[in-house]
Amino acid sequence: MVPAHVWNTSVSYYQVHSNYLDMPVAAPILRALYAIDPNETYISTSASRITSSKSVSYFAKVGSPGDWDQWCGEAESLKAMYAAAPGLCPKLVAFGDDPVGTKSPFMVSEYLDISGLSGTSAKRLAKRLALELHKPKNNQTEHRGLFGFGCPTYCGVTRLENGWFQTWEECFTALMKGLVDGIRRRGSGFAETVRLGDETIHKVIPYLLSPSRLTDVEPVILHGDLWSGNVGTLSSGDPVVYDPSSYYGHNEADLAIARMFGGFPSDFWSEYHKHRPKTAPEDEYDERQALYELFHYLNHTLIFGGGYASPSISRMKRLLQFVQKKRGLTRDELGET
């Protein structure tokens, strides 16, 4: 049972000089931990780490009322990933809001000591992604076989509205439209980026991602922001991923940002595709990767501005030229030119 003086407190942070704590801990977090084990005592050893009397450590944080959607997306992402690949990401312990305080969201997960990704752990990560996280299955029972996600998520600070879609083409189109429309609202300084973005949505995505072309794509849970800053290694040598922006999509989309910003060790790619081969048509794999990378370059353009517009533009021009050439060849073969 939660001690009454803990449950009834209406302050954002609770401090008591007793057996319960020796540093401030957010009241809703304390209530959540007592709900798990009311006979434990908990000590806050840092701003975000709480340790029980049984030496179990938790990562905990409290946000502001405006953080609710973002934190809910993170919590649902962690739950979906952990269900598909237990131990590959931190296990969510509790998520909710403070019912008697500020109505601010709180989150509690297992605490992990994480170091950088090594060559060995990168290969293990590739195998676990290929055989577990990206195994063709959908843990959203009522939405089995659909692409998307049941709540908004945030890639960086960018809100992704998500929703459910019958095809991968529809899902990725909606994600890209959200980014291009966001850049459009930034003003005329991004006119070329917006123009090419619209063309890419209407010409490239229908060509590369149409269900008739990608006949073998099934929805799998994606991390959604799988760059080198969101992966690491545990003391056991096992890999771990965190800070997700998940949705159910094409597995190859999860690999795109892993090539950016320093990328993953080279062995990662060969190990991944040893266990999960490239989607057919394989000869368009590089173009699909350029399209999936474009999503992240456009997102960085939206967040940080013009420095990322140039690589976005170059990728869109390349993709549009590729599709124009392929369609031209097809028309020639059909005698339609």
Protein backbone atom coordinates (compact mmCIF):
# COMPACT_ATOMS: atom_id res chain seq x y z
CA MET A 1 0.00 0.00 0.00
CA VAL A 2 1.26 3.48 -0.88
CA PRO A 3 1.88 5.56 2.26
CA ALA A 4 -0.86 8.15 2.62
CA HIS A 5 1.51 11.09 2.88
CA VAL A 6 3.03 10.09 -0.46
CA TRP A 7 -0.28 9.59 -2.25
CA ASN A 8 -1.85 12.81 -1.00
CA THR A 9 1.03 15.16 -1.70
CA SER A 10 0.21 17.76 -4.32
CA VAL A 11 3.70 19.08 -4.87
CA SER A 12 5.69 18.20 -7.97
CA TYR A 13 8.60 16.79 -5.99
CA TYR A 14 8.42 14.94 -2.72
CA GLN A 15 11.10 15.02 -0.05
CA VAL A 16 10.87 13.26 3.28
CA HIS A 17 13.64 12.73 5.81
CA SER A 18 12.74 9.17 6.70
CA ASN A 19 13.26 5.62 5.48
CA TYR A 20 11.70 6.38 2.12
CA LEU A 21 14.12 8.80 0.44
CA ASP A 22 17.26 10.77 0.98
CA MET A 23 16.95 12.89 -2.20
CA PRO A 24 13.92 14.47 -3.90
CA VAL A 25 11.86 12.13 -6.09
CA ALA A 26 8.85 13.12 -8.14
CA ALA A 27 5.70 12.17 -6.27
CA PRO A 28 3.97 10.34 -9.16
CA ILE A 29 7.08 8.24 -9.70
CA LEU A 30 7.18 7.32 -6.06
CA ARG A 31 3.52 6.30 -6.17
CA ALA A 32 4.14 4.18 -9.27
CA LEU A 33 7.04 2.37 -7.58
CA TYR A 34 5.03 1.74 -4.42
CA ALA A 35 2.27 0.28 -6.59
CA ILE A 36 4.82 -2.27 -7.87
CA ASP A 37 6.15 -3.14 -4.43
CA PRO A 38 4.72 -1.30 -1.40
CA ASN A 39 7.23 -2.95 0.93
CA GLU A 40 10.29 -1.48 -0.79
CA THR A 41 12.20 1.66 0.05
CA TYR A 42 13.56 3.85 -2.75
CA ILE A 43 16.56 6.14 -2.85
CA SER A 44 17.16 8.71 -5.56
CA THR A 45 20.87 8.55 -6.33
CA SER A 46 20.78 11.10 -9.15
CA ALA A 47 18.31 13.33 -10.95
CA SER A 48 16.97 10.39 -12.99
CA ARG A 49 18.14 7.22 -11.22
CA ILE A 50 16.21 5.63 -8.38
CA THR A 51 17.44 2.51 -6.57
CA SER A 52 15.35 0.20 -4.43
CA SER A 53 16.42 -1.48 -1.20
CA LYS A 54 16.80 -4.65 -3.30
CA SER A 55 19.35 -2.82 -5.48
CA VAL A 56 17.02 -2.61 -8.48
CA SER A 57 17.62 0.63 -10.38
CA TYR A 58 15.07 2.58 -12.38
CA PHE A 59 15.34 5.45 -14.84
CA ALA A 60 12.64 8.01 -14.06
CA LYS A 61 11.61 11.39 -15.41
CA VAL A 62 8.76 13.89 -15.06
CA GLY A 63 7.77 16.34 -17.77
CA SER A 64 5.48 19.32 -18.17
CA PRO A 65 1.81 19.06 -19.20
CA GLY A 66 2.75 19.90 -22.79
CA ASP A 67 5.03 16.84 -23.00
CA TRP A 68 2.19 14.32 -22.76
CA ASP A 69 1.87 13.37 -26.45
CA GLN A 70 5.61 13.04 -26.96
CA TRP A 71 6.11 10.90 -23.87
CA CYS A 72 3.09 8.77 -24.65
CA GLY A 73 4.57 8.08 -28.08
CA GLU A 74 7.88 7.09 -26.50
CA ALA A 75 6.15 4.83 -23.97
CA GLU A 76 4.05 3.06 -26.62
CA SER A 77 7.14 2.69 -28.81
CA LEU A 78 9.10 1.05 -25.99
CA LYS A 79 6.22 -1.32 -25.25
CA ALA A 80 5.91 -2.40 -28.88
CA MET A 81 9.64 -2.89 -29.35
CA TYR A 82 10.09 -4.78 -26.09
CA ALA A 83 7.23 -7.11 -27.05
CA ALA A 84 8.95 -7.91 -30.35
CA ALA A 85 12.52 -8.11 -29.02
CA PRO A 86 12.70 -8.39 -25.20
CA GLY A 87 15.79 -6.76 -23.75
CA LEU A 88 16.74 -4.90 -26.92
CA CYS A 89 15.36 -1.68 -25.45
CA PRO A 90 14.70 -0.56 -21.85
CA LYS A 91 11.61 -2.18 -20.35
CA LEU A 92 8.88 0.31 -19.56
CA VAL A 93 7.80 0.04 -15.91
CA ALA A 94 5.19 2.80 -15.63
CA PHE A 95 3.81 5.73 -17.59
CA GLY A 96 1.02 8.15 -16.74
CA ASP A 97 0.29 11.57 -15.36
CA ASP A 98 0.19 13.02 -11.85
CA PRO A 99 -3.47 12.77 -10.74
CA VAL A 100 -3.10 15.07 -7.73
CA GLY A 101 -0.32 17.41 -8.76
CA THR A 102 0.51 19.24 -11.97
CA LYS A 103 -1.06 16.72 -14.40
CA SER A 104 2.43 16.31 -15.83
CA PRO A 105 3.49 13.04 -17.48
CA PHE A 106 5.95 10.72 -15.80
CA MET A 107 7.83 7.70 -17.05
CA VAL A 108 9.71 4.92 -15.27
CA SER A 109 11.81 2.28 -17.04
CA GLU A 110 14.58 -0.08 -16.08
CA TYR A 111 17.93 1.67 -15.63
CA LEU A 112 20.70 0.51 -17.96
CA ASP A 113 24.41 1.35 -17.93
CA ILE A 114 25.16 1.98 -21.60
CA SER A 115 28.45 2.50 -23.43
CA GLY A 116 29.07 3.11 -27.11
CA LEU A 117 28.32 0.62 -29.86
CA SER A 118 31.28 -1.67 -30.56
CA GLY A 119 31.98 -3.77 -33.63
CA THR A 120 30.89 -6.91 -31.80
CA SER A 121 27.71 -5.42 -30.36
CA ALA A 122 26.88 -3.89 -33.76
CA LYS A 123 26.84 -7.38 -35.30
CA ARG A 124 24.64 -8.62 -32.46
CA LEU A 125 22.36 -5.65 -32.98
CA ALA A 126 22.08 -6.40 -36.70
CA LYS A 127 21.10 -10.00 -35.97
CA ARG A 128 18.51 -9.06 -33.33
CA LEU A 129 16.99 -6.42 -35.56
CA ALA A 130 16.77 -8.82 -38.49
CA LEU A 131 15.46 -11.85 -36.60
CA GLU A 132 13.39 -10.24 -33.85
CA LEU A 133 12.43 -6.58 -34.12
CA HIS A 134 12.01 -6.73 -37.90
CA LYS A 135 10.44 -10.15 -38.00
CA PRO A 136 7.26 -9.85 -40.06
CA LYS A 137 4.64 -9.65 -37.37
CA ASN A 138 2.37 -7.02 -35.92
CA ASN A 139 1.78 -6.94 -32.18
CA GLN A 140 -1.16 -4.51 -32.55
CA THR A 141 -3.76 -7.28 -32.65
CA GLU A 142 -6.69 -5.13 -33.74
CA HIS A 143 -4.53 -3.55 -36.47
CA ARG A 144 -2.76 -6.65 -37.69
CA GLY A 145 -1.34 -6.24 -41.18
CA LEU A 146 -1.64 -2.43 -41.19
CA PHE A 147 1.14 0.16 -41.45
CA GLY A 148 1.50 3.12 -39.10
CA PHE A 149 1.00 3.55 -35.37
CA GLY A 150 -1.82 4.12 -32.92
CA CYS A 151 -0.66 7.46 -31.51
CA PRO A 152 1.58 10.37 -32.52
CA THR A 153 5.33 9.96 -32.04
CA TYR A 154 8.17 12.44 -32.22
CA CYS A 155 11.30 12.10 -34.34
CA GLY A 156 13.47 14.61 -32.55
CA VAL A 157 11.05 17.46 -31.91
CA THR A 158 8.97 16.75 -35.02
CA ARG A 159 5.51 15.42 -34.35
CA LEU A 160 4.49 12.51 -36.60
CA GLU A 161 0.71 12.16 -36.61
CA ASN A 162 0.77 8.48 -37.70
CA GLY A 163 -2.55 6.63 -37.94
CA TRP A 164 -3.23 3.33 -39.74
CA PHE A 165 -2.83 2.60 -43.45
CA GLN A 166 -3.55 -0.33 -45.71
CA THR A 167 -0.27 -0.02 -47.65
CA TRP A 168 3.30 1.02 -47.01
CA GLU A 169 3.05 3.49 -49.88
CA GLU A 170 0.16 5.29 -48.15
CA CYS A 171 1.94 5.28 -44.79
CA PHE A 172 5.24 6.68 -46.07
CA THR A 173 3.41 9.24 -48.23
CA ALA A 174 1.65 10.57 -45.12
CA LEU A 175 4.94 10.79 -43.20
CA MET A 176 6.63 12.66 -46.04
CA LYS A 177 3.70 15.03 -46.55
CA GLY A 178 3.89 15.99 -42.91
CA LEU A 179 7.54 17.00 -43.28
CA VAL A 180 7.13 18.84 -46.59
CA ASP A 181 4.10 20.74 -45.28
CA GLY A 182 6.09 21.68 -42.20
CA ILE A 183 8.93 23.03 -44.33
CA ARG A 184 6.38 24.85 -46.51
CA ARG A 185 5.25 26.74 -43.42
CA ARG A 186 8.81 27.95 -42.86
CA GLY A 187 8.46 30.31 -45.80
CA SER A 188 9.76 31.09 -49.28
CA GLY A 189 13.38 30.44 -48.40
CA PHE A 190 12.67 26.73 -48.84
CA ALA A 191 10.75 26.98 -52.11
CA GLU A 192 12.96 24.58 -54.06
CA THR A 193 12.96 22.03 -51.25
CA VAL A 194 9.16 22.15 -51.11
CA ARG A 195 8.74 21.96 -54.89
CA LEU A 196 11.01 18.93 -55.17
CA GLY A 197 9.42 17.42 -52.08
CA ASP A 198 5.98 17.62 -53.68
CA GLU A 199 7.36 16.05 -56.87
CA THR A 200 9.01 13.27 -54.89
CA ILE A 201 5.75 12.49 -53.10
CA HIS A 202 3.76 12.37 -56.35
CA LYS A 203 6.31 10.67 -58.61
CA VAL A 204 8.98 8.78 -56.66
CA ILE A 205 6.98 7.19 -53.83
CA PRO A 206 4.28 5.75 -56.14
CA TYR A 207 6.99 4.25 -58.32
CA LEU A 208 9.36 2.79 -55.71
CA LEU A 209 6.87 1.84 -52.99
CA SER A 210 3.74 0.75 -54.84
CA PRO A 211 2.26 -2.53 -53.54
CA SER A 212 2.55 -3.99 -57.02
CA ARG A 213 6.29 -3.36 -56.92
CA LEU A 214 7.04 -4.19 -53.26
CA THR A 215 4.97 -7.35 -53.12
CA ASP A 216 6.77 -8.87 -50.11
CA VAL A 217 6.67 -5.95 -47.65
CA GLU A 218 4.90 -6.69 -44.36
CA PRO A 219 4.59 -4.23 -41.44
CA VAL A 220 7.19 -4.68 -38.71
CA ILE A 221 7.85 -2.52 -35.68
CA LEU A 222 10.58 0.04 -36.38
CA HIS A 223 12.68 2.03 -33.96
CA GLY A 224 12.15 5.02 -36.24
CA ASP A 225 15.25 7.04 -35.29
CA LEU A 226 17.99 4.42 -35.33
CA TRP A 227 21.13 6.53 -35.56
CA SER A 228 24.37 5.96 -33.68
CA GLY A 229 23.32 8.30 -30.84
CA ASN A 230 20.36 6.07 -29.97
CA VAL A 231 22.18 2.74 -29.71
CA GLY A 232 24.77 1.37 -27.32
CA THR A 233 26.25 -1.61 -25.53
CA LEU A 234 25.46 -3.07 -22.11
CA SER A 235 28.11 -4.41 -19.75
CA SER A 236 27.16 -7.91 -20.95
CA GLY A 237 28.23 -6.95 -24.46
CA ASP A 238 24.64 -7.02 -25.70
CA PRO A 239 23.28 -4.15 -27.80
CA VAL A 240 20.52 -1.82 -26.69
CA VAL A 241 18.44 0.84 -28.48
CA TYR A 242 16.51 3.72 -26.93
CA ASP A 243 14.76 7.05 -27.62
CA PRO A 244 12.46 5.51 -30.25
CA SER A 245 9.94 7.06 -32.62
CA SER A 246 8.27 3.84 -33.63
CA TYR A 247 5.71 2.80 -36.20
CA TYR A 248 4.98 -0.32 -38.23
CA GLY A 249 6.63 -0.08 -41.63
CA HIS A 250 9.09 -1.50 -44.14
CA ASN A 251 12.12 -2.91 -42.32
CA GLU A 252 14.55 -1.20 -44.70
CA ALA A 253 13.29 2.21 -43.56
CA ASP A 254 14.89 1.58 -40.16
CA LEU A 255 18.32 1.26 -41.76
CA ALA A 256 18.44 4.65 -43.47
CA ILE A 257 19.50 6.98 -40.67
CA ALA A 258 21.95 4.31 -39.48
CA ARG A 259 24.03 5.25 -42.54
CA MET A 260 24.02 8.94 -41.61
CA PHE A 261 25.97 10.98 -39.06
CA GLY A 262 28.92 8.61 -38.80
CA GLY A 263 26.88 5.49 -39.35
CA PHE A 264 27.31 2.00 -37.95
CA PRO A 265 30.35 -0.29 -38.32
CA SER A 266 30.57 -1.87 -41.78
CA ASP A 267 29.94 -5.38 -40.44
CA PHE A 268 26.47 -4.30 -39.36
CA TRP A 269 25.12 -4.26 -42.92
CA SER A 270 26.41 -7.62 -44.07
CA GLU A 271 25.25 -9.25 -40.83
CA TYR A 272 21.79 -7.73 -41.10
CA HIS A 273 21.22 -8.80 -44.69
CA LYS A 274 22.62 -12.25 -44.00
CA HIS A 275 19.59 -12.80 -41.79
CA ARG A 276 17.10 -10.58 -43.63
CA PRO A 277 17.82 -10.23 -47.36
CA LYS A 278 17.14 -7.06 -49.30
CA THR A 279 13.58 -6.63 -50.48
CA ALA A 280 12.86 -7.33 -54.14
CA PRO A 281 13.50 -5.70 -56.51
CA GLU A 282 17.03 -5.75 -55.10
CA ASP A 283 18.40 -3.57 -57.89
CA GLU A 284 16.34 -0.66 -56.47
CA TYR A 285 17.61 -1.10 -52.91
CA ASP A 286 19.97 1.90 -53.13
CA GLU A 287 17.17 4.14 -54.42
CA ARG A 288 14.85 3.01 -51.62
CA GLN A 289 17.58 3.75 -49.10
CA ALA A 290 18.08 7.22 -50.63
CA LEU A 291 14.31 7.80 -50.28
CA TYR A 292 14.29 6.66 -46.66
CA GLU A 293 17.37 8.77 -45.90
CA LEU A 294 15.55 11.72 -47.48
CA PHE A 295 12.90 11.47 -44.77
CA HIS A 296 15.55 12.19 -42.13
CA TYR A 297 17.27 14.92 -44.14
CA LEU A 298 13.94 16.66 -44.58
CA ASN A 299 13.22 16.27 -40.88
CA HIS A 300 16.57 17.87 -40.07
CA THR A 301 15.77 20.66 -42.54
CA LEU A 302 12.50 21.24 -40.71
CA ILE A 303 14.20 21.27 -37.30
CA PHE A 304 17.54 22.95 -37.99
CA GLY A 305 17.07 24.87 -41.22
CA GLY A 306 18.98 25.41 -44.42
CA GLY A 307 22.12 23.39 -43.72
CA TYR A 308 20.21 20.20 -44.45
CA ALA A 309 18.26 21.53 -47.43
CA SER A 310 21.15 20.99 -49.85
CA PRO A 311 21.57 17.22 -49.23
CA SER A 312 17.78 16.92 -49.32
CA ILE A 313 17.63 18.64 -52.71
CA SER A 314 20.44 16.54 -54.18
CA ARG A 315 18.71 13.30 -53.13
CA MET A 316 15.37 14.39 -54.53
CA LYS A 317 16.92 15.35 -57.88
CA ARG A 318 18.69 12.00 -58.05
CA LEU A 319 15.51 10.09 -57.25
CA LEU A 320 13.41 12.04 -59.73
CA GLN A 321 15.99 11.45 -62.46
CA PHE A 322 16.04 7.75 -61.64
CA VAL A 323 12.27 7.43 -61.89
CA GLN A 324 12.14 9.50 -65.08
CA LYS A 325 14.73 7.23 -66.67
CA LYS A 326 13.03 4.04 -65.56
CA ARG A 327 9.63 5.21 -66.77
CA GLY A 328 11.18 6.32 -70.03
CA LEU A 329 12.69 2.90 -70.55
CA THR A 330 9.38 1.28 -69.78
CA ARG A 331 7.58 3.45 -72.33
CA ASP A 332 10.22 2.63 -74.94
CA GLU A 333 9.81 -1.05 -74.28
CA LEU A 334 6.04 -0.69 -74.62
CA GLY A 335 6.36 1.44 -77.75
CA GLU A 336 4.54 4.32 -76.07
CA THR A 337 7.07 7.11 -76.70
